[in-house]
């Protein structure tokens, strides 16, 4: 429900300011949470049977073709963990990858949620546009995490055999 009425130019500017703020806030929240919140085996992060260990994302979205173009937030933060390329196949590094993959997925889910905030200062139709924008920007990153994680789990399990 729109409660703040601003000139159109200021409203557009505010949209461009609020989105980055909300996305950074989601990242800051998740980077401050303890690692125990990002266990790949929990119900939220695990691969479900319908995902076919991530292959559904390749079949439906051709994720292998475009995931290399996604930004890696881990490279933007000092001491962050880069997930774009595996630097080592040692178990510690793979476990860290799984953890940070879950963290990245949560960041992107949280970055989608506040689309409704724009309803306070924009016309109602803009909320729909903001939802579409949030999904377009964040779902590819979620899909990439959900595609990669089962592949890393398979590598870890193969080493145990």
C-alpha atoms as a PDB file:
ATOM      1  CA  UNK A   1       0.000   0.000   0.000  1.00  0.00           C
ATOM      2  CA  UNK A   2       1.554   3.244  -1.134  1.00  0.00           C
ATOM      3  CA  UNK A   3       1.993   5.596   1.816  1.00  0.00           C
ATOM      4  CA  UNK A   4       4.817   7.802   0.532  1.00  0.00           C
ATOM      5  CA  UNK A   5       4.155   9.943  -2.517  1.00  0.00           C
ATOM      6  CA  UNK A   6       7.263  11.350  -4.164  1.00  0.00           C
ATOM      7  CA  UNK A   7       7.927  12.987  -7.540  1.00  0.00           C
ATOM      8  CA  UNK A   8       8.414  10.373 -10.261  1.00  0.00           C
ATOM      9  CA  UNK A   9      12.122  11.104 -10.746  1.00  0.00           C
ATOM     10  CA  UNK A  10      12.832  10.753  -7.043  1.00  0.00           C
ATOM     11  CA  UNK A  11      10.790   7.556  -6.903  1.00  0.00           C
ATOM     12  CA  UNK A  12      12.846   6.015  -9.719  1.00  0.00           C
ATOM     13  CA  UNK A  13      16.086   7.138  -8.076  1.00  0.00           C
ATOM     14  CA  UNK A  14      14.948   5.639  -4.778  1.00  0.00           C
ATOM     15  CA  UNK A  15      14.290   2.310  -6.513  1.00  0.00           C
ATOM     16  CA  UNK A  16      17.872   2.308  -7.816  1.00  0.00           C
ATOM     17  CA  UNK A  17      19.167   3.068  -4.334  1.00  0.00           C
ATOM     18  CA  UNK A  18      16.953   0.689  -2.352  1.00  0.00           C
ATOM     19  CA  UNK A  19      17.634  -2.469  -4.401  1.00  0.00           C
ATOM     20  CA  UNK A  20      21.415  -2.507  -3.893  1.00  0.00           C
ATOM     21  CA  UNK A  21      20.898  -1.681  -0.225  1.00  0.00           C
ATOM     22  CA  UNK A  22      18.505  -4.630   0.209  1.00  0.00           C
ATOM     23  CA  UNK A  23      20.805  -7.017  -1.651  1.00  0.00           C
ATOM     24  CA  UNK A  24      23.836  -5.987   0.372  1.00  0.00           C
ATOM     25  CA  UNK A  25      21.762  -6.303   3.555  1.00  0.00           C
ATOM     26  CA  UNK A  26      20.860  -9.899   2.621  1.00  0.00           C
ATOM     27  CA  UNK A  27      24.537 -10.669   2.032  1.00  0.00           C
ATOM     28  CA  UNK A  28      25.594  -9.054   5.302  1.00  0.00           C
ATOM     29  CA  UNK A  29      22.964 -10.974   7.252  1.00  0.00           C
ATOM     30  CA  UNK A  30      24.083 -14.294   5.788  1.00  0.00           C
ATOM     31  CA  UNK A  31      27.793 -13.640   6.196  1.00  0.00           C
ATOM     32  CA  UNK A  32      27.202 -12.898   9.872  1.00  0.00           C
ATOM     33  CA  UNK A  33      25.200 -16.070  10.528  1.00  0.00           C
ATOM     34  CA  UNK A  34      27.065 -19.038  12.006  1.00  0.00           C
ATOM     35  CA  UNK A  35      28.080 -21.791   9.591  1.00  0.00           C
ATOM     36  CA  UNK A  36      25.643 -24.218  11.216  1.00  0.00           C
ATOM     37  CA  UNK A  37      22.813 -22.430   9.374  1.00  0.00           C
ATOM     38  CA  UNK A  38      24.250 -23.581   6.041  1.00  0.00           C
ATOM     39  CA  UNK A  39      24.388 -27.360   6.224  1.00  0.00           C
ATOM     40  CA  UNK A  40      23.864 -28.812   2.746  1.00  0.00           C
ATOM     41  CA  UNK A  41      22.164 -31.907   4.184  1.00  0.00           C
ATOM     42  CA  UNK A  42      19.289 -29.993   5.800  1.00  0.00           C
ATOM     43  CA  UNK A  43      15.855 -29.957   4.187  1.00  0.00           C
ATOM     44  CA  UNK A  44      16.245 -26.501   2.666  1.00  0.00           C
ATOM     45  CA  UNK A  45      19.528 -27.081   0.851  1.00  0.00           C
ATOM     46  CA  UNK A  46      19.509 -30.772   0.015  1.00  0.00           C
ATOM     47  CA  UNK A  47      18.794 -31.980  -3.498  1.00  0.00           C
ATOM     48  CA  UNK A  48      15.259 -33.291  -3.815  1.00  0.00           C
ATOM     49  CA  UNK A  49      14.393 -36.323  -5.944  1.00  0.00           C
ATOM     50  CA  UNK A  50      12.637 -34.155  -8.549  1.00  0.00           C
ATOM     51  CA  UNK A  51      15.897 -32.208  -9.039  1.00  0.00           C
ATOM     52  CA  UNK A  52      17.647 -35.418 -10.147  1.00  0.00           C
ATOM     53  CA  UNK A  53      20.880 -34.325  -8.414  1.00  0.00           C
ATOM     54  CA  UNK A  54      20.768 -30.966 -10.181  1.00  0.00           C
ATOM     55  CA  UNK A  55      20.400 -32.330 -13.710  1.00  0.00           C
ATOM     56  CA  UNK A  56      16.890 -30.897 -13.993  1.00  0.00           C
ATOM     57  CA  UNK A  57      18.499 -27.449 -14.124  1.00  0.00           C
ATOM     58  CA  UNK A  58      20.632 -28.443 -17.060  1.00  0.00           C
ATOM     59  CA  UNK A  59      17.700 -29.960 -18.901  1.00  0.00           C
ATOM     60  CA  UNK A  60      15.277 -27.067 -18.295  1.00  0.00           C
ATOM     61  CA  UNK A  61      17.609 -24.067 -18.148  1.00  0.00           C
ATOM     62  CA  UNK A  62      20.872 -25.204 -19.797  1.00  0.00           C
ATOM     63  CA  UNK A  63      22.725 -23.941 -16.733  1.00  0.00           C
ATOM     64  CA  UNK A  64      26.145 -25.111 -17.963  1.00  0.00           C
ATOM     65  CA  UNK A  65      25.989 -22.627 -20.827  1.00  0.00           C
ATOM     66  CA  UNK A  66      25.485 -19.487 -18.752  1.00  0.00           C
ATOM     67  CA  UNK A  67      26.592 -20.107 -15.167  1.00  0.00           C
ATOM     68  CA  UNK A  68      30.140 -18.989 -15.975  1.00  0.00           C
ATOM     69  CA  UNK A  69      28.775 -15.472 -16.609  1.00  0.00           C
ATOM     70  CA  UNK A  70      27.253 -15.106 -13.147  1.00  0.00           C
ATOM     71  CA  UNK A  71      29.115 -12.883 -10.696  1.00  0.00           C
ATOM     72  CA  UNK A  72      30.793 -14.574  -7.735  1.00  0.00           C
ATOM     73  CA  UNK A  73      30.076 -12.605  -4.581  1.00  0.00           C
ATOM     74  CA  UNK A  74      32.855 -14.446  -2.775  1.00  0.00           C
ATOM     75  CA  UNK A  75      35.385 -12.596  -4.890  1.00  0.00           C
ATOM     76  CA  UNK A  76      33.934  -9.225  -3.853  1.00  0.00           C
ATOM     77  CA  UNK A  77      34.572  -9.666  -0.138  1.00  0.00           C
ATOM     78  CA  UNK A  78      38.001  -9.763   1.468  1.00  0.00           C
ATOM     79  CA  UNK A  79      38.511 -13.318   2.671  1.00  0.00           C
ATOM     80  CA  UNK A  80      35.462 -14.479   0.721  1.00  0.00           C
ATOM     81  CA  UNK A  81      35.285 -17.939  -0.786  1.00  0.00           C
ATOM     82  CA  UNK A  82      35.210 -17.971  -4.574  1.00  0.00           C
ATOM     83  CA  UNK A  83      32.916 -20.630  -5.989  1.00  0.00           C
ATOM     84  CA  UNK A  84      33.428 -20.029  -9.706  1.00  0.00           C
ATOM     85  CA  UNK A  85      36.365 -22.437  -9.956  1.00  0.00           C
ATOM     86  CA  UNK A  86      37.487 -25.109  -7.553  1.00  0.00           C
ATOM     87  CA  UNK A  87      41.049 -24.416  -6.481  1.00  0.00           C
ATOM     88  CA  UNK A  88      41.425 -27.779  -4.795  1.00  0.00           C
ATOM     89  CA  UNK A  89      39.626 -31.105  -4.648  1.00  0.00           C
ATOM     90  CA  UNK A  90      40.714 -31.716  -1.050  1.00  0.00           C
ATOM     91  CA  UNK A  91      37.847 -32.586   1.268  1.00  0.00           C
ATOM     92  CA  UNK A  92      38.248 -29.433   3.387  1.00  0.00           C
ATOM     93  CA  UNK A  93      37.930 -27.230   0.311  1.00  0.00           C
ATOM     94  CA  UNK A  94      34.937 -29.181  -1.006  1.00  0.00           C
ATOM     95  CA  UNK A  95      33.220 -28.961   2.391  1.00  0.00           C
ATOM     96  CA  UNK A  96      33.858 -25.210   2.410  1.00  0.00           C
ATOM     97  CA  UNK A  97      32.422 -25.001  -1.107  1.00  0.00           C
ATOM     98  CA  UNK A  98      29.237 -26.752   0.048  1.00  0.00           C
ATOM     99  CA  UNK A  99      28.907 -24.414   3.008  1.00  0.00           C
ATOM    100  CA  UNK A 100      29.444 -21.280   0.938  1.00  0.00           C
ATOM    101  CA  UNK A 101      27.136 -22.579  -1.773  1.00  0.00           C
ATOM    102  CA  UNK A 102      24.347 -22.848   0.799  1.00  0.00           C
ATOM    103  CA  UNK A 103      25.181 -19.376   2.098  1.00  0.00           C
ATOM    104  CA  UNK A 104      25.045 -17.973  -1.451  1.00  0.00           C
ATOM    105  CA  UNK A 105      21.696 -19.634  -2.093  1.00  0.00           C
ATOM    106  CA  UNK A 106      20.238 -18.150   1.088  1.00  0.00           C
ATOM    107  CA  UNK A 107      21.571 -14.696   0.205  1.00  0.00           C
ATOM    108  CA  UNK A 108      19.748 -14.832  -3.115  1.00  0.00           C
ATOM    109  CA  UNK A 109      16.487 -16.109  -1.599  1.00  0.00           C
ATOM    110  CA  UNK A 110      16.619 -13.311   0.967  1.00  0.00           C
ATOM    111  CA  UNK A 111      17.371 -10.777  -1.776  1.00  0.00           C
ATOM    112  CA  UNK A 112      14.117 -11.745  -3.519  1.00  0.00           C
ATOM    113  CA  UNK A 113      11.856 -11.374  -0.489  1.00  0.00           C
ATOM    114  CA  UNK A 114      11.830  -7.580   0.004  1.00  0.00           C
ATOM    115  CA  UNK A 115      10.336  -6.769  -3.427  1.00  0.00           C
ATOM    116  CA  UNK A 116       7.136  -5.701  -1.647  1.00  0.00           C
ATOM    117  CA  UNK A 117       8.962  -2.845   0.124  1.00  0.00           C
ATOM    118  CA  UNK A 118       8.668  -0.821  -3.074  1.00  0.00           C
ATOM    119  CA  UNK A 119       4.907  -0.744  -2.600  1.00  0.00           C
ATOM    120  CA  UNK A 120       5.380   1.873   0.117  1.00  0.00           C
ATOM    121  CA  UNK A 121       6.540   4.502  -2.358  1.00  0.00           C
ATOM    122  CA  UNK A 122       5.608   3.317  -5.871  1.00  0.00           C
ATOM    123  CA  UNK A 123       2.362   2.645  -7.712  1.00  0.00           C
ATOM    124  CA  UNK A 124       1.018  -0.902  -7.123  1.00  0.00           C
ATOM    125  CA  UNK A 125       2.014  -2.207 -10.577  1.00  0.00           C
ATOM    126  CA  UNK A 126       5.657  -1.484  -9.780  1.00  0.00           C
ATOM    127  CA  UNK A 127       5.579  -4.193  -7.102  1.00  0.00           C
ATOM    128  CA  UNK A 128       5.018  -6.752  -9.856  1.00  0.00           C
ATOM    129  CA  UNK A 129       7.936  -5.295 -11.830  1.00  0.00           C
ATOM    130  CA  UNK A 130      10.137  -5.468  -8.750  1.00  0.00           C
ATOM    131  CA  UNK A 131       9.208  -9.108  -8.183  1.00  0.00           C
ATOM    132  CA  UNK A 132      10.070  -9.906 -11.802  1.00  0.00           C
ATOM    133  CA  UNK A 133      13.359  -8.031 -11.430  1.00  0.00           C
ATOM    134  CA  UNK A 134      14.212  -9.801  -8.152  1.00  0.00           C
ATOM    135  CA  UNK A 135      13.489 -13.202  -9.669  1.00  0.00           C
ATOM    136  CA  UNK A 136      15.426 -12.437 -12.859  1.00  0.00           C
ATOM    137  CA  UNK A 137      18.491 -11.290 -10.923  1.00  0.00           C
ATOM    138  CA  UNK A 138      18.502 -13.909  -8.157  1.00  0.00           C
ATOM    139  CA  UNK A 139      16.993 -17.142  -9.500  1.00  0.00           C
ATOM    140  CA  UNK A 140      19.870 -17.830 -11.916  1.00  0.00           C
ATOM    141  CA  UNK A 141      22.239 -17.714  -8.931  1.00  0.00           C
ATOM    142  CA  UNK A 142      19.994 -20.041  -6.911  1.00  0.00           C
ATOM    143  CA  UNK A 143      19.767 -22.427  -9.865  1.00  0.00           C
ATOM    144  CA  UNK A 144      23.551 -22.458 -10.255  1.00  0.00           C
ATOM    145  CA  UNK A 145      24.010 -23.317  -6.557  1.00  0.00           C
ATOM    146  CA  UNK A 146      21.387 -26.062  -6.680  1.00  0.00           C
ATOM    147  CA  UNK A 147      22.981 -27.457  -9.830  1.00  0.00           C
ATOM    148  CA  UNK A 148      26.571 -27.439  -8.519  1.00  0.00           C
ATOM    149  CA  UNK A 149      26.031 -28.649  -4.967  1.00  0.00           C
ATOM    150  CA  UNK A 150      24.974 -32.246  -5.790  1.00  0.00           C
ATOM    151  CA  UNK A 151      27.964 -32.548  -8.100  1.00  0.00           C
ATOM    152  CA  UNK A 152      30.320 -31.604  -5.255  1.00  0.00           C
ATOM    153  CA  UNK A 153      28.541 -34.034  -2.913  1.00  0.00           C
ATOM    154  CA  UNK A 154      29.134 -36.821  -5.479  1.00  0.00           C
ATOM    155  CA  UNK A 155      32.860 -35.980  -5.582  1.00  0.00           C
ATOM    156  CA  UNK A 156      33.095 -36.162  -1.789  1.00  0.00           C
ATOM    157  CA  UNK A 157      31.190 -39.457  -1.670  1.00  0.00           C
ATOM    158  CA  UNK A 158      33.361 -40.942  -4.430  1.00  0.00           C
ATOM    159  CA  UNK A 159      36.481 -40.207  -2.361  1.00  0.00           C
ATOM    160  CA  UNK A 160      35.064 -42.140   0.609  1.00  0.00           C
ATOM    161  CA  UNK A 161      34.691 -45.329  -1.381  1.00  0.00           C
END
